């Protein structure tokens, strides 16, 4: 679990996003992009789970699906981004308890 709460924002020009302490991830795609930004006061906030404390080989298969599948089975929406050492999986902050329970039932160790 990462400290804080985050919001997702559509970004039309990723070069205009300042890389400051509030930016968690910036994804550039064919449609522009999206930013994960820390905002502890947002009503539509997301909580961030991080599986990179024990970095895995980027060629390892199934790492992200092992986390996302139990959440999908619990009808929990997710938003993801990957870095070299791990994956960010965001879940709605108001459903964090459900997400943690689903992951623990699937055998994951989750530290809140």
Protein backbone atom coordinates (compact mmCIF):
# COMPACT_ATOMS: atom_id res chain seq x y z
CA UNK A 1 0.00 0.00 0.00
CA UNK A 2 1.32 3.44 -0.82
CA UNK A 3 0.63 6.33 1.49
CA UNK A 4 -2.02 8.80 0.38
CA UNK A 5 -4.92 8.87 -2.02
CA UNK A 6 -4.76 9.41 -5.75
CA UNK A 7 -6.86 10.73 -8.62
CA UNK A 8 -6.80 9.83 -12.29
CA UNK A 9 -6.75 12.64 -14.82
CA UNK A 10 -6.93 12.59 -18.61
CA UNK A 11 -3.99 14.48 -20.08
CA UNK A 12 -4.02 15.78 -23.65
CA UNK A 13 -0.37 16.88 -23.60
CA UNK A 14 1.86 14.71 -21.40
CA UNK A 15 4.77 17.13 -21.82
CA UNK A 16 2.73 19.75 -19.95
CA UNK A 17 2.49 17.65 -16.77
CA UNK A 18 4.99 18.77 -14.16
CA UNK A 19 7.00 15.95 -12.62
CA UNK A 20 6.48 17.05 -9.03
CA UNK A 21 5.90 15.20 -5.79
CA UNK A 22 2.16 14.81 -6.50
CA UNK A 23 2.75 12.79 -9.69
CA UNK A 24 2.72 9.03 -9.15
CA UNK A 25 2.61 7.89 -12.77
CA UNK A 26 2.21 9.36 -16.23
CA UNK A 27 1.10 7.19 -19.12
CA UNK A 28 1.40 8.33 -22.69
CA UNK A 29 -0.86 6.69 -25.24
CA UNK A 30 -2.27 7.29 -28.70
CA UNK A 31 -5.11 9.33 -27.18
CA UNK A 32 -2.83 11.66 -25.22
CA UNK A 33 -2.37 10.17 -21.82
CA UNK A 34 -3.33 9.87 -18.20
CA UNK A 35 -1.81 10.91 -14.92
CA UNK A 36 -2.05 9.40 -11.44
CA UNK A 37 -1.75 12.30 -9.02
CA UNK A 38 -1.77 12.36 -5.23
CA UNK A 39 -4.76 14.21 -3.83
CA UNK A 40 -5.65 13.23 -0.27
CA UNK A 41 -8.77 15.42 -0.29
CA UNK A 42 -10.42 14.10 -3.46
CA UNK A 43 -13.87 12.56 -3.12
CA UNK A 44 -13.24 10.18 -6.03
CA UNK A 45 -9.88 9.04 -4.69
CA UNK A 46 -8.11 5.77 -5.40
CA UNK A 47 -5.78 3.80 -3.13
CA UNK A 48 -2.51 2.54 -4.61
CA UNK A 49 -1.17 -0.97 -4.19
CA UNK A 50 2.46 -1.60 -5.18
CA UNK A 51 4.03 -5.00 -5.80
CA UNK A 52 7.56 -3.77 -6.41
CA UNK A 53 9.01 -4.10 -2.92
CA UNK A 54 10.37 -7.45 -4.06
CA UNK A 55 11.23 -6.55 -7.65
CA UNK A 56 10.47 -9.20 -10.23
CA UNK A 57 12.06 -9.86 -13.59
CA UNK A 58 10.27 -7.79 -16.26
CA UNK A 59 9.94 -10.98 -18.32
CA UNK A 60 8.13 -12.86 -15.54
CA UNK A 61 4.64 -13.74 -16.68
CA UNK A 62 1.40 -13.48 -14.75
CA UNK A 63 2.55 -11.02 -12.08
CA UNK A 64 -0.06 -8.35 -12.76
CA UNK A 65 -2.84 -10.80 -13.59
CA UNK A 66 -2.30 -12.55 -10.23
CA UNK A 67 -3.23 -9.28 -8.54
CA UNK A 68 -5.92 -8.05 -10.92
CA UNK A 69 -7.83 -11.35 -11.33
CA UNK A 70 -9.02 -11.59 -7.69
CA UNK A 71 -10.06 -7.94 -7.80
CA UNK A 72 -12.02 -8.48 -11.02
CA UNK A 73 -13.69 -11.53 -9.48
CA UNK A 74 -14.84 -9.24 -6.66
CA UNK A 75 -16.24 -6.70 -9.17
CA UNK A 76 -13.63 -4.15 -8.11
CA UNK A 77 -12.51 -1.67 -10.76
CA UNK A 78 -8.76 -1.15 -11.14
CA UNK A 79 -6.43 1.21 -12.87
CA UNK A 80 -2.87 0.04 -13.49
CA UNK A 81 0.56 1.25 -14.51
CA UNK A 82 3.85 -0.61 -14.56
CA UNK A 83 7.40 0.41 -13.87
CA UNK A 84 10.58 -1.56 -14.38
CA UNK A 85 10.49 -3.15 -10.92
CA UNK A 86 6.80 -3.54 -10.22
CA UNK A 87 3.19 -2.64 -10.86
CA UNK A 88 0.84 -0.03 -9.49
CA UNK A 89 -2.73 -1.19 -9.04
CA UNK A 90 -5.21 1.46 -7.98
CA UNK A 91 -8.59 0.59 -6.49
CA UNK A 92 -11.34 2.95 -5.35
CA UNK A 93 -10.34 4.18 -1.89
CA UNK A 94 -13.85 3.65 -0.57
CA UNK A 95 -13.58 -0.05 -1.50
CA UNK A 96 -10.08 -0.63 -0.17
CA UNK A 97 -11.22 -3.04 2.56
CA UNK A 98 -12.95 -5.19 -0.09
CA UNK A 99 -9.83 -5.15 -2.27
CA UNK A 100 -7.54 -6.14 0.59
CA UNK A 101 -9.88 -8.97 1.60
CA UNK A 102 -10.06 -10.27 -1.98
CA UNK A 103 -6.28 -10.22 -2.34
CA UNK A 104 -5.72 -11.95 1.00
CA UNK A 105 -8.24 -14.67 0.09
CA UNK A 106 -6.19 -15.20 -3.09
CA UNK A 107 -3.07 -15.73 -0.96
CA UNK A 108 -1.45 -12.30 -1.31
CA UNK A 109 0.28 -10.56 1.58
CA UNK A 110 -1.10 -7.02 1.80
CA UNK A 111 0.29 -4.48 4.23
CA UNK A 112 -2.06 -1.57 4.91
